[in-house]
Structures are given as C-alpha cells and as structure tokens.
Amino acid sequence: MPRLPRLVLVGQPHHVIIRGNNREPIFIADEDYQFYLEKLRLACVKHQCDLHAYVLMTNHVHLLITPHKEEGIAKMMQMVGRYYVQYFNHCYHRTGTLWEGRYKSTLIDSDAYALICYRYIELNPVRAGMVDEPAQYPWSSYRANALGECNDMLIAHELYVGLAQTSEHRLVQYRALFENYISLTQIENIRDATNKSWVLGNDHFRHKIEQQLERRLSPAAKGGDRKSVRYREQSKINRV
C-alpha cells in the first residue's frame, strides 16, 4: 500500500521529529551537535523554512518549522540528513543507516498549539530527567527564546512576537509560559498527531484543512456500539 504524502501547508507551522535507528545515539560529542545545527541553519535558509524552536536529544531531534515552499521541509531534512550521516559515519568509523526511517511531522493549528509546541520541544530534556531547568540544556532553542541569547538560526513565530511589544518584555512573558505545566492530554495529542501524521488542532481547524487538502486528517471512527440495536441491524445487512 503506497504511503500517503506528508501533510504540508505553506505558511503553517509543523512539528517535526526524527529518531536514531533502534533509538541509538545520534549525538555523542559536543562537535556532533554543533555540526548538525550548522547544517540545519544552512538547510533552512536554502529551502526557505523558518525555524522557531528545536531540541537535539541524544537519540532524536524535535523541530518547530514553518515552510515557505511545499517541498521545503522534505528537502531541508534530506539535506541535513545526508550531510550528518556522512559526518557521523566518518567520525565514528561506521557504515549504514543512522535514522529510524523517515522523519515524522504534524501540521499545527497555530492559535491553539504553536506556543504549546515551543514549550513541549524545549522541555524535552526536563521530561527526560537530563536537567532540572530547560536553560541548563545547551542544545535547544530555550536560551534564545527565553533568555535572549543570540541565535541566528531562529525566526520567531508571529504568536511569539505577539507576546509583548518589546523584546525584553517578550522574554519575560515567554518564561512565564513555563511556569504552567503542559497537560498530559496536550502531550499525548502532540505525540499522537506527530507519530500518525494527523493535524494537531481542534475539530474546526481539522475540517478546514481537510477541505483545503482534500484528504482525511484524523482517525476514522472505529466500529460502533456492538450492543446497540442499530449496530446489530446494520451487521445483519452487511452479512447478506
């Protein structure tokens, strides 16, 4: 069965994740993280993708990206992956694949989930128990988005910009977002939508995108109430 094309909508943010094969490390030394970030910066520029947030974990990567071309994310990920696999295999005297299949992504309802995805991505090291505070982890966008550290890779999403009128107040407002936990439901929604390539948003947003892209973007209803009269009658009809 052929794979459905990934959901891509120009001008809309997407959450992207790629993992190491068999969940094995893809970053070992500091130089590995630095090399990946440099190639990511170049690829985003070349393929017209705005990078809003990121985190490089030891065996996977999370990105929040808005493409400005339909093929932008795919070409950007292809470019980064090609350069990084060559680099990693050369440095660690290995051969073969590094990635666990294709990258996964989900189209995001900006109003409902953009800033939540910022936090979800930058809090990954905290959820993993690697650090106590996101600022302690050097390989994410948190220090730039929350503390104002210079990072020319990032282009702020309009909702981030709208947090305040000045950059100083914007940093304060952004840090304040991290005082509230992301609910377990929101975390599960992000993971589920990304792993299954569904749209991340409310019913109205999903319906609008379904009409725009002319394809189903959420799970179909499974079966029915097997105890209901309607279900039993329908089952009889289907067996005839």
Protein backbone atom coordinates (compact mmCIF):
# COMPACT_ATOMS: atom_id res chain seq x y z
CA MET A 1 0.00 0.00 0.00
CA PRO A 2 1.57 3.33 -1.04
CA ARG A 3 2.35 5.84 1.69
CA LEU A 4 0.24 8.97 1.83
CA PRO A 5 2.18 12.15 1.15
CA ARG A 6 3.06 14.11 4.26
CA LEU A 7 0.79 16.93 5.31
CA VAL A 8 2.41 20.19 4.28
CA LEU A 9 0.78 23.60 4.25
CA VAL A 10 2.91 26.56 3.26
CA GLY A 11 2.94 29.27 5.92
CA GLN A 12 1.69 26.93 8.68
CA PRO A 13 3.94 25.62 11.49
CA HIS A 14 4.82 21.92 11.59
CA HIS A 15 6.23 19.80 14.40
CA VAL A 16 8.95 17.52 13.03
CA ILE A 17 10.73 14.65 14.74
CA ILE A 18 13.41 12.24 13.55
CA ARG A 19 14.97 9.44 15.61
CA GLY A 20 18.13 7.41 15.52
CA ASN A 21 17.86 3.86 14.23
CA ASN A 22 16.80 1.48 17.03
CA ARG A 23 16.73 4.55 19.31
CA GLU A 24 20.54 4.54 19.32
CA PRO A 25 22.52 7.77 19.93
CA ILE A 26 22.93 10.16 17.02
CA PHE A 27 24.92 12.71 19.04
CA ILE A 28 27.93 11.76 21.15
CA ALA A 29 30.36 14.70 21.34
CA ASP A 30 29.63 18.42 21.50
CA GLU A 31 31.03 18.73 17.99
CA ASP A 32 28.23 16.47 16.72
CA TYR A 33 25.52 18.81 18.00
CA GLN A 34 27.37 21.81 16.60
CA PHE A 35 27.77 20.22 13.17
CA TYR A 36 24.09 19.28 13.00
CA LEU A 37 22.97 22.77 14.00
CA GLU A 38 25.19 24.41 11.40
CA LYS A 39 23.85 22.18 8.63
CA LEU A 40 20.30 22.75 9.89
CA ARG A 41 20.84 26.52 9.68
CA LEU A 42 22.12 26.31 6.13
CA ALA A 43 19.35 23.95 5.03
CA CYS A 44 16.62 26.15 6.49
CA VAL A 45 17.95 29.14 4.59
CA LYS A 46 18.38 27.25 1.32
CA HIS A 47 14.94 25.65 1.40
CA GLN A 48 13.03 28.59 2.87
CA CYS A 49 11.98 27.17 6.22
CA ASP A 50 11.55 29.32 9.34
CA LEU A 51 12.89 27.50 12.39
CA HIS A 52 11.07 28.62 15.55
CA ALA A 53 12.20 26.08 18.17
CA TYR A 54 14.36 22.97 18.39
CA VAL A 55 15.94 20.47 20.72
CA LEU A 56 18.67 17.95 19.94
CA MET A 57 18.33 14.99 22.29
CA THR A 58 20.89 12.19 22.37
CA ASN A 59 18.88 9.95 20.02
CA HIS A 60 16.29 12.19 18.38
CA VAL A 61 15.54 15.72 17.19
CA HIS A 62 12.44 17.93 17.55
CA LEU A 63 11.86 20.95 15.32
CA LEU A 64 9.11 23.56 15.02
CA ILE A 65 9.21 24.82 11.43
CA THR A 66 7.14 26.92 9.06
CA PRO A 67 7.87 26.14 5.39
CA HIS A 68 7.52 28.71 2.63
CA LYS A 69 7.62 26.12 -0.15
CA GLU A 70 5.58 22.92 -0.32
CA GLU A 71 8.69 20.76 -0.59
CA GLY A 72 10.69 22.91 1.85
CA ILE A 73 10.67 20.67 4.92
CA ALA A 74 11.33 17.48 2.94
CA LYS A 75 14.29 18.98 1.10
CA MET A 76 15.61 20.61 4.25
CA MET A 77 15.50 17.33 6.21
CA GLN A 78 17.05 15.46 3.28
CA MET A 79 19.92 17.93 3.08
CA VAL A 80 20.65 17.87 6.82
CA GLY A 81 20.34 14.10 7.00
CA ARG A 82 22.70 13.49 4.09
CA TYR A 83 25.42 15.75 5.47
CA TYR A 84 25.07 14.47 9.01
CA VAL A 85 25.13 10.75 8.18
CA GLN A 86 28.33 11.23 6.17
CA TYR A 87 29.87 13.19 9.03
CA PHE A 88 28.77 10.77 11.77
CA ASN A 89 29.82 7.61 9.91
CA HIS A 90 33.22 9.12 9.14
CA CYS A 91 33.82 10.29 12.72
CA TYR A 92 32.76 7.02 14.36
CA HIS A 93 34.02 4.58 11.73
CA ARG A 94 30.65 3.11 10.94
CA THR A 95 28.53 2.42 7.87
CA GLY A 96 24.86 2.13 7.05
CA THR A 97 21.77 3.98 8.09
CA LEU A 98 21.61 6.32 11.06
CA TRP A 99 17.92 7.25 11.04
CA GLU A 100 14.87 5.24 12.04
CA GLY A 101 13.05 5.56 8.73
CA ARG A 102 11.53 8.82 7.51
CA TYR A 103 11.05 11.84 9.70
CA LYS A 104 7.57 12.30 11.18
CA SER A 105 5.62 15.53 11.21
CA THR A 106 2.30 17.09 12.03
CA LEU A 107 0.58 20.23 10.80
CA ILE A 108 -0.18 22.57 13.72
CA ASP A 109 -3.09 24.86 14.47
CA SER A 110 -1.06 27.98 15.29
CA ASP A 111 -3.54 29.65 17.62
CA ALA A 112 -4.10 26.57 19.75
CA TYR A 113 -0.76 24.78 19.70
CA ALA A 114 2.16 26.88 18.41
CA LEU A 115 3.30 28.18 21.81
CA ILE A 116 2.49 24.82 23.43
CA CYS A 117 4.79 23.16 20.89
CA TYR A 118 7.52 25.68 21.69
CA ARG A 119 7.31 24.55 25.31
CA TYR A 120 6.86 20.86 24.51
CA ILE A 121 10.06 20.89 22.45
CA GLU A 122 12.20 22.92 24.85
CA LEU A 123 11.02 20.95 27.90
CA ASN A 124 12.09 17.61 26.45
CA PRO A 125 15.37 17.46 28.41
CA VAL A 126 13.45 18.21 31.64
CA ARG A 127 10.87 15.47 30.98
CA ALA A 128 13.73 13.09 30.23
CA GLY A 129 15.34 13.86 33.60
CA MET A 130 18.51 15.20 32.00
CA VAL A 131 18.25 18.66 33.60
CA ASP A 132 16.11 20.40 36.18
CA GLU A 133 15.52 23.56 34.14
CA PRO A 134 15.39 24.00 30.35
CA ALA A 135 18.07 26.70 30.49
CA GLN A 136 20.54 24.09 31.74
CA TYR A 137 20.39 22.19 28.45
CA PRO A 138 22.69 23.72 25.80
CA TRP A 139 21.25 22.06 22.69
CA SER A 140 17.84 23.65 22.47
CA SER A 141 16.35 26.99 21.47
CA TYR A 142 15.25 27.83 25.02
CA ARG A 143 18.15 30.11 25.87
CA ALA A 144 17.42 32.22 22.79
CA ASN A 145 13.64 32.26 23.11
CA ALA A 146 13.53 32.75 26.88
CA LEU A 147 16.80 34.45 27.81
CA GLY A 148 17.66 36.41 24.68
CA GLU A 149 20.84 34.50 23.86
CA CYS A 150 21.95 35.25 20.30
CA ASN A 151 20.89 32.55 17.86
CA ASP A 152 20.71 33.48 14.18
CA MET A 153 19.06 30.17 13.29
CA LEU A 154 15.72 31.17 14.76
CA ILE A 155 12.88 33.16 13.25
CA ALA A 156 10.17 33.97 15.77
CA HIS A 157 6.64 32.84 15.05
CA GLU A 158 4.08 35.66 14.99
CA LEU A 159 2.46 34.37 18.21
CA TYR A 160 5.83 34.54 19.95
CA VAL A 161 6.30 38.09 18.68
CA GLY A 162 2.81 38.95 19.88
CA LEU A 163 3.63 38.07 23.49
CA ALA A 164 4.82 41.67 24.08
CA GLN A 165 5.77 44.83 22.23
CA THR A 166 9.42 44.86 23.29
CA SER A 167 11.99 42.09 23.20
CA GLU A 168 12.69 42.47 26.93
CA HIS A 169 9.05 42.06 27.91
CA ARG A 170 8.66 39.27 25.35
CA LEU A 171 11.34 37.25 27.10
CA VAL A 172 9.60 37.76 30.43
CA GLN A 173 6.25 36.68 29.01
CA TYR A 174 7.78 33.65 27.33
CA ARG A 175 9.47 32.49 30.53
CA ALA A 176 6.15 32.89 32.32
CA LEU A 177 4.62 30.29 29.99
CA PHE A 178 6.94 27.70 31.51
CA GLU A 179 5.51 28.27 34.98
CA ASN A 180 2.48 26.24 33.90
CA TYR A 181 2.70 22.56 33.13
CA ILE A 182 1.72 21.19 29.74
CA SER A 183 -1.18 18.85 30.45
CA LEU A 184 -0.80 15.13 29.87
CA THR A 185 -3.62 15.35 27.34
CA GLN A 186 -1.78 18.03 25.35
CA ILE A 187 1.44 15.98 25.43
CA GLU A 188 -0.40 12.89 24.21
CA ASN A 189 -2.14 14.90 21.49
CA ILE A 190 1.19 16.21 20.20
CA ARG A 191 2.82 12.78 20.24
CA ASP A 192 -0.15 11.04 18.66
CA ALA A 193 -0.60 13.60 15.90
CA THR A 194 3.11 13.62 15.07
CA ASN A 195 3.56 9.84 15.04
CA LYS A 196 0.46 9.33 12.88
CA SER A 197 0.84 12.46 10.72
CA TRP A 198 -2.55 13.84 11.76
CA VAL A 199 -3.37 17.52 12.12
CA LEU A 200 -2.82 18.97 15.58
CA GLY A 201 -5.75 21.25 16.34
CA ASN A 202 -9.44 21.43 17.13
CA ASP A 203 -12.25 19.96 15.01
CA HIS A 204 -12.89 23.23 13.18
CA PHE A 205 -9.24 23.55 12.19
CA ARG A 206 -9.01 19.92 11.07
CA HIS A 207 -12.17 20.22 8.99
CA LYS A 208 -10.87 23.38 7.32
CA ILE A 209 -7.56 21.74 6.43
CA GLU A 210 -9.29 18.55 5.25
CA GLN A 211 -11.33 20.60 2.80
CA GLN A 212 -8.26 22.52 1.69
CA LEU A 213 -6.09 19.42 1.12
CA GLU A 214 -8.98 17.09 0.15
CA ARG A 215 -7.92 14.21 2.40
CA ARG A 216 -8.80 12.81 5.83
CA LEU A 217 -6.57 14.21 8.57
CA SER A 218 -7.88 12.45 11.67
CA PRO A 219 -8.69 8.85 12.64
CA ALA A 220 -11.91 7.40 11.31
CA ALA A 221 -14.47 6.16 13.80
CA LYS A 222 -13.83 2.57 14.79
CA GLY A 223 -16.73 0.14 14.56
CA GLY A 224 -19.78 1.00 16.62
CA ASP A 225 -21.62 0.16 19.77
CA ARG A 226 -21.92 -3.60 19.40
CA LYS A 227 -24.78 -3.69 21.88
CA SER A 228 -26.94 -1.16 20.07
CA VAL A 229 -29.94 -2.20 18.01
CA ARG A 230 -28.75 -0.06 15.11
CA TYR A 231 -25.35 -1.77 15.10
CA ARG A 232 -26.88 -5.27 15.15
CA GLU A 233 -29.33 -4.44 12.37
CA GLN A 234 -26.54 -2.95 10.26
CA SER A 235 -24.42 -6.03 10.84
CA LYS A 236 -27.23 -8.25 9.56
CA ILE A 237 -27.49 -6.16 6.41
CA ASN A 238 -23.73 -6.30 5.83
CA ARG A 239 -23.73 -10.12 6.11
CA VAL A 240 -26.38 -10.55 3.43
